[in-house]
Amino acid sequence: MKLKIHIAYIITCMLVNTTFAQKKELSSSNSAKVLIEKMVAKTGNYELLKKLKDVEFTYDFYNPRTKKSDISIERYIFNGEVSWGQYKTHNVFVLPKEKGIVTQYYESTGNSWMTIGNTKITDTRTLLSSDFLRRANYYWFTMMPKLLDKGIVYTQLPNRVHNKINYKIVKIGFDKGVGDVQDDFVLYINPTTFLVDRFLFTVKGSTLGISLMEIEYETVNGYTFMAKRKVIPADWDGNIKGKVLYEQTTTNVKFNNGFKRELLAK
């Protein structure tokens, strides 16, 4: 009789331990980073971008209040993070008081320059602004796969309901010393599509404050990117606090154009 009791006790312990292990495994599978990995599996990862080699597209940065735009042809090389942009229309952030074609260049080595017409810009403040735009524009196009870069901290927050969708919420932070500025992001991951429909963010060192980015996607050559974005003042709970600040549109996307760093860097 005692033997039967001992055996029953052992079996019960085994079942409890197995159940606990299964719950632990399930918890791990629902971790914040795994949600990001699932999202990147939908958009395409950075290895896909490297296979596509480079991209060219038209980028319209529009201010609805002033009804003015910065419109550029953007060219990026993914191996080495080369960012080149040329503006024939520049009425918002890119030398709005100047006339002539503005060209900007930046690569991850730190090599950068800016020209207007045939004149090279030497003003330090203007060059810093140019570098910021080159990095920012490149980041917005590659943001989703780059959320798996090293040095990123993932935190899963309670779900939030918006437009009757029960979103998975992941907060993105950065280890100290990672990146040029340690921005904060709160991502709303659609439980059906696994895409980020919207996210809250700050840009440290900027006067922009907490903003909400609302997103529409397009897919070209297997890569799903943010084709339309609206930037709106908000709070960390996702409540909108004002009118749309900027609308950003990416069109005419073409990959694998044969761009060479040496030619873009000239």
Protein backbone atom coordinates (compact mmCIF):
# COMPACT_ATOMS: atom_id res chain seq x y z
CA MET A 1 0.00 0.00 0.00
CA LYS A 2 2.81 2.41 0.95
CA LEU A 3 4.59 1.51 -2.30
CA LYS A 4 1.48 2.45 -4.31
CA ILE A 5 1.23 5.77 -2.45
CA HIS A 6 4.91 6.54 -3.15
CA ILE A 7 4.48 5.72 -6.84
CA ALA A 8 1.36 7.90 -7.07
CA TYR A 9 3.24 10.74 -5.34
CA ILE A 10 6.18 10.44 -7.76
CA ILE A 11 3.85 10.43 -10.79
CA THR A 12 2.02 13.49 -9.44
CA CYS A 13 5.33 15.34 -8.97
CA MET A 14 6.39 14.41 -12.49
CA LEU A 15 3.11 15.74 -13.90
CA VAL A 16 3.41 18.97 -11.91
CA ASN A 17 7.01 19.48 -13.06
CA THR A 18 6.06 18.75 -16.68
CA THR A 19 3.18 21.23 -16.52
CA PHE A 20 5.45 23.86 -14.95
CA ALA A 21 8.06 23.29 -17.66
CA GLN A 22 5.42 23.64 -20.37
CA LYS A 23 4.19 26.91 -18.86
CA LYS A 24 7.76 28.16 -18.61
CA GLU A 25 8.37 27.27 -22.27
CA LEU A 26 5.12 29.00 -23.28
CA SER A 27 6.12 32.11 -21.35
CA SER A 28 9.45 32.13 -23.17
CA SER A 29 7.75 31.74 -26.55
CA ASN A 30 5.61 34.81 -25.78
CA SER A 31 8.54 37.00 -24.77
CA ALA A 32 8.91 40.52 -26.15
CA LYS A 33 11.87 39.65 -28.36
CA VAL A 34 10.03 36.71 -29.91
CA LEU A 35 7.22 39.09 -30.89
CA ILE A 36 9.80 41.28 -32.64
CA GLU A 37 11.29 38.22 -34.36
CA LYS A 38 7.83 37.26 -35.64
CA MET A 39 7.31 40.79 -36.90
CA VAL A 40 10.66 40.82 -38.73
CA ALA A 41 9.81 37.44 -40.25
CA LYS A 42 6.86 39.24 -41.88
CA THR A 43 8.70 42.36 -43.06
CA GLY A 44 11.96 40.71 -44.11
CA ASN A 45 15.23 40.80 -42.18
CA TYR A 46 18.45 42.72 -42.76
CA GLU A 47 20.01 39.75 -44.56
CA LEU A 48 17.26 40.13 -47.17
CA LEU A 49 18.21 43.79 -47.59
CA LYS A 50 21.86 42.82 -48.05
CA LYS A 51 20.81 40.39 -50.78
CA LEU A 52 18.82 43.19 -52.43
CA LYS A 53 22.06 45.23 -52.18
CA ASP A 54 20.69 48.77 -52.55
CA VAL A 55 17.54 50.82 -53.01
CA GLU A 56 16.32 54.02 -54.65
CA PHE A 57 13.01 55.75 -53.89
CA THR A 58 11.25 59.11 -53.80
CA TYR A 59 10.68 60.48 -50.30
CA ASP A 60 8.19 63.26 -49.56
CA PHE A 61 8.42 64.85 -46.11
CA TYR A 62 5.31 67.05 -45.91
CA ASN A 63 4.23 69.62 -43.31
CA PRO A 64 0.40 69.87 -43.50
CA ARG A 65 0.35 73.10 -41.46
CA THR A 66 2.55 75.03 -43.91
CA LYS A 67 1.69 72.83 -46.92
CA LYS A 68 5.39 72.62 -47.75
CA SER A 69 7.64 69.63 -48.48
CA ASP A 70 11.18 68.35 -48.60
CA ILE A 71 11.20 65.95 -51.57
CA SER A 72 14.27 63.82 -52.18
CA ILE A 73 15.59 60.97 -54.25
CA GLU A 74 17.01 58.55 -51.67
CA ARG A 75 19.71 55.99 -52.43
CA TYR A 76 21.02 53.52 -49.84
CA ILE A 77 23.59 50.73 -49.94
CA PHE A 78 22.79 48.23 -47.19
CA ASN A 79 26.26 46.76 -46.74
CA GLY A 80 28.04 49.59 -44.94
CA GLU A 81 24.87 51.64 -44.35
CA VAL A 82 25.46 54.26 -47.04
CA SER A 83 22.81 57.01 -47.22
CA TRP A 84 22.65 59.48 -50.14
CA GLY A 85 19.86 61.96 -50.81
CA GLN A 86 19.24 64.71 -53.34
CA TYR A 87 16.64 67.47 -52.93
CA LYS A 88 15.24 69.59 -55.74
CA THR A 89 12.43 70.68 -53.42
CA HIS A 90 13.54 71.68 -49.91
CA ASN A 91 11.13 73.92 -48.01
CA VAL A 92 10.92 72.33 -44.53
CA PHE A 93 14.18 71.27 -42.83
CA VAL A 94 16.72 71.18 -45.67
CA LEU A 95 18.02 74.73 -46.31
CA PRO A 96 14.52 76.16 -46.86
CA LYS A 97 15.84 79.68 -47.49
CA GLU A 98 18.33 78.59 -50.16
CA LYS A 99 17.83 77.83 -53.86
CA GLY A 100 19.52 75.06 -55.82
CA ILE A 101 19.83 71.27 -55.68
CA VAL A 102 20.95 69.99 -52.27
CA THR A 103 22.86 66.70 -52.06
CA GLN A 104 23.72 64.90 -48.81
CA TYR A 105 25.93 61.87 -48.14
CA TYR A 106 26.63 59.78 -45.03
CA GLU A 107 28.05 56.33 -44.35
CA SER A 108 28.52 54.34 -41.16
CA THR A 109 32.29 55.00 -41.15
CA GLY A 110 31.46 58.65 -40.42
CA ASN A 111 32.40 59.95 -43.87
CA SER A 112 29.85 62.62 -44.85
CA TRP A 113 29.35 65.79 -46.86
CA MET A 114 26.70 68.17 -48.17
CA THR A 115 26.51 70.42 -51.23
CA ILE A 116 24.13 72.99 -52.68
CA GLY A 117 24.62 73.25 -56.41
CA ASN A 118 28.38 72.83 -56.87
CA THR A 119 29.22 74.45 -53.53
CA LYS A 120 30.35 72.30 -50.61
CA ILE A 121 28.77 73.22 -47.27
CA THR A 122 31.28 73.86 -44.46
CA ASP A 123 29.03 75.20 -41.69
CA THR A 124 29.28 72.73 -38.79
CA ARG A 125 25.68 73.09 -37.61
CA THR A 126 24.30 72.55 -41.13
CA LEU A 127 26.51 69.49 -41.60
CA LEU A 128 25.34 68.00 -38.29
CA SER A 129 21.72 68.49 -39.40
CA SER A 130 22.54 66.82 -42.74
CA ASP A 131 24.13 63.83 -40.98
CA PHE A 132 21.09 63.49 -38.72
CA LEU A 133 18.69 63.44 -41.69
CA ARG A 134 20.82 60.91 -43.58
CA ARG A 135 20.85 58.56 -40.58
CA ALA A 136 17.16 59.15 -39.76
CA ASN A 137 15.91 58.57 -43.32
CA TYR A 138 17.98 55.40 -43.61
CA TYR A 139 16.68 54.18 -40.24
CA TRP A 140 13.01 54.72 -41.09
CA PHE A 141 13.38 52.57 -44.21
CA THR A 142 15.24 49.78 -42.37
CA MET A 143 13.72 50.20 -38.90
CA MET A 144 11.83 46.94 -38.49
CA PRO A 145 14.72 44.53 -39.24
CA LYS A 146 17.10 46.77 -37.27
CA LEU A 147 14.97 46.19 -34.17
CA LEU A 148 16.93 42.93 -33.91
CA ASP A 149 20.30 44.73 -33.74
CA LYS A 150 22.56 44.03 -30.77
CA GLY A 151 22.21 46.23 -27.70
CA ILE A 152 18.42 46.53 -27.81
CA VAL A 153 16.33 45.95 -24.67
CA TYR A 154 12.82 44.49 -25.09
CA THR A 155 10.02 44.79 -22.54
CA GLN A 156 6.51 43.42 -23.03
CA LEU A 157 3.82 45.72 -21.66
CA PRO A 158 0.11 44.97 -21.08
CA ASN A 159 -2.00 44.73 -24.23
CA ARG A 160 -3.79 47.85 -25.47
CA VAL A 161 -7.02 48.02 -27.48
CA HIS A 162 -7.19 50.48 -30.37
CA ASN A 163 -9.86 50.44 -33.10
CA LYS A 164 -11.15 47.16 -31.62
CA ILE A 165 -7.75 45.48 -32.11
CA ASN A 166 -6.12 43.98 -29.00
CA TYR A 167 -2.50 44.94 -29.69
CA LYS A 168 0.59 43.28 -28.28
CA ILE A 169 2.75 46.05 -26.82
CA VAL A 170 6.55 45.97 -26.80
CA LYS A 171 8.74 48.73 -25.40
CA ILE A 172 12.10 49.15 -27.12
CA GLY A 173 15.09 50.61 -25.31
CA PHE A 174 18.81 50.72 -25.99
CA ASP A 175 21.84 49.76 -23.95
CA LYS A 176 24.05 52.67 -22.93
CA GLY A 177 26.37 53.64 -25.77
CA VAL A 178 24.28 51.93 -28.47
CA GLY A 179 23.40 54.26 -31.35
CA ASP A 180 23.81 58.02 -31.61
CA VAL A 181 20.74 58.78 -29.49
CA GLN A 182 18.89 56.41 -27.21
CA ASP A 183 15.35 56.89 -28.48
CA ASP A 184 12.38 55.20 -26.81
CA PHE A 185 9.74 53.26 -28.76
CA VAL A 186 6.45 51.65 -27.73
CA LEU A 187 5.29 49.36 -30.54
CA TYR A 188 1.69 48.27 -31.24
CA ILE A 189 2.01 44.83 -32.86
CA ASN A 190 -1.08 43.62 -34.72
CA PRO A 191 -1.92 40.10 -33.41
CA THR A 192 -3.20 39.02 -36.84
CA THR A 193 -0.64 40.47 -39.27
CA PHE A 194 2.27 40.72 -36.78
CA LEU A 195 3.09 44.12 -38.31
CA VAL A 196 3.58 47.27 -36.24
CA ASP A 197 0.49 49.37 -37.04
CA ARG A 198 1.58 52.32 -34.91
CA PHE A 199 4.22 53.23 -32.36
CA LEU A 200 5.01 55.91 -29.81
CA PHE A 201 8.48 57.39 -29.81
CA THR A 202 10.79 60.16 -28.68
CA VAL A 203 13.98 61.45 -30.23
CA LYS A 204 16.29 62.48 -27.40
CA GLY A 205 17.94 65.81 -28.04
CA SER A 206 14.94 66.88 -30.13
CA THR A 207 12.15 69.31 -29.18
CA LEU A 208 9.56 67.06 -30.84
CA GLY A 209 8.38 65.43 -27.60
CA ILE A 210 6.33 62.22 -27.44
CA SER A 211 4.91 61.41 -30.86
CA LEU A 212 2.72 58.75 -32.40
CA MET A 213 3.64 57.25 -35.77
CA GLU A 214 0.75 55.70 -37.73
CA ILE A 215 1.85 53.42 -40.56
CA GLU A 216 0.76 52.00 -43.91
CA TYR A 217 2.92 49.35 -45.60
CA GLU A 218 3.86 48.25 -49.09
CA THR A 219 5.92 45.26 -50.23
CA VAL A 220 8.53 45.27 -53.01
CA ASN A 221 10.80 42.31 -53.82
CA GLY A 222 9.73 40.56 -50.61
CA TYR A 223 10.58 43.48 -48.31
CA THR A 224 7.69 45.13 -46.45
CA PHE A 225 8.44 48.75 -45.57
CA MET A 226 6.68 51.78 -44.09
CA ALA A 227 5.30 53.47 -47.21
CA LYS A 228 3.16 56.11 -45.49
CA ARG A 229 3.69 57.55 -42.03
CA LYS A 230 1.91 60.22 -40.02
CA VAL A 231 3.56 61.86 -37.01
CA ILE A 232 1.09 63.09 -34.38
CA PRO A 233 1.62 64.57 -30.87
CA ALA A 234 0.63 62.02 -28.20
CA ASP A 235 1.28 60.76 -24.68
CA TRP A 236 2.76 57.41 -23.60
CA ASP A 237 -0.76 55.96 -23.27
CA GLY A 238 -1.33 56.53 -26.99
CA ASN A 239 -3.74 59.44 -26.56
CA ILE A 240 -3.51 61.93 -29.44
CA LYS A 241 -2.67 65.45 -28.26
CA GLY A 242 -2.86 67.50 -31.44
CA LYS A 243 -3.05 67.60 -35.22
CA VAL A 244 -0.79 65.73 -37.64
CA LEU A 245 2.67 67.31 -37.61
CA TYR A 246 4.21 65.58 -40.62
CA GLU A 247 3.29 63.13 -43.36
CA GLN A 248 6.08 61.01 -44.84
CA THR A 249 5.57 59.09 -48.07
CA THR A 250 7.89 56.60 -49.80
CA THR A 251 7.20 55.81 -53.48
CA ASN A 252 8.90 54.41 -56.61
CA VAL A 253 10.93 51.88 -54.64
CA LYS A 254 13.55 50.03 -56.74
CA PHE A 255 16.11 47.57 -55.37
CA ASN A 256 19.40 46.25 -56.76
CA ASN A 257 20.33 49.27 -58.88
CA GLY A 258 24.06 48.55 -58.92
CA PHE A 259 25.03 51.57 -56.81
CA LYS A 260 28.70 51.76 -55.78
CA ARG A 261 29.84 53.49 -52.61
CA GLU A 262 32.72 55.14 -54.47
CA LEU A 263 30.32 56.81 -56.92
CA LEU A 264 27.78 57.96 -54.34
CA ALA A 265 30.57 59.28 -52.11
CA LYS A 266 31.89 61.64 -54.83
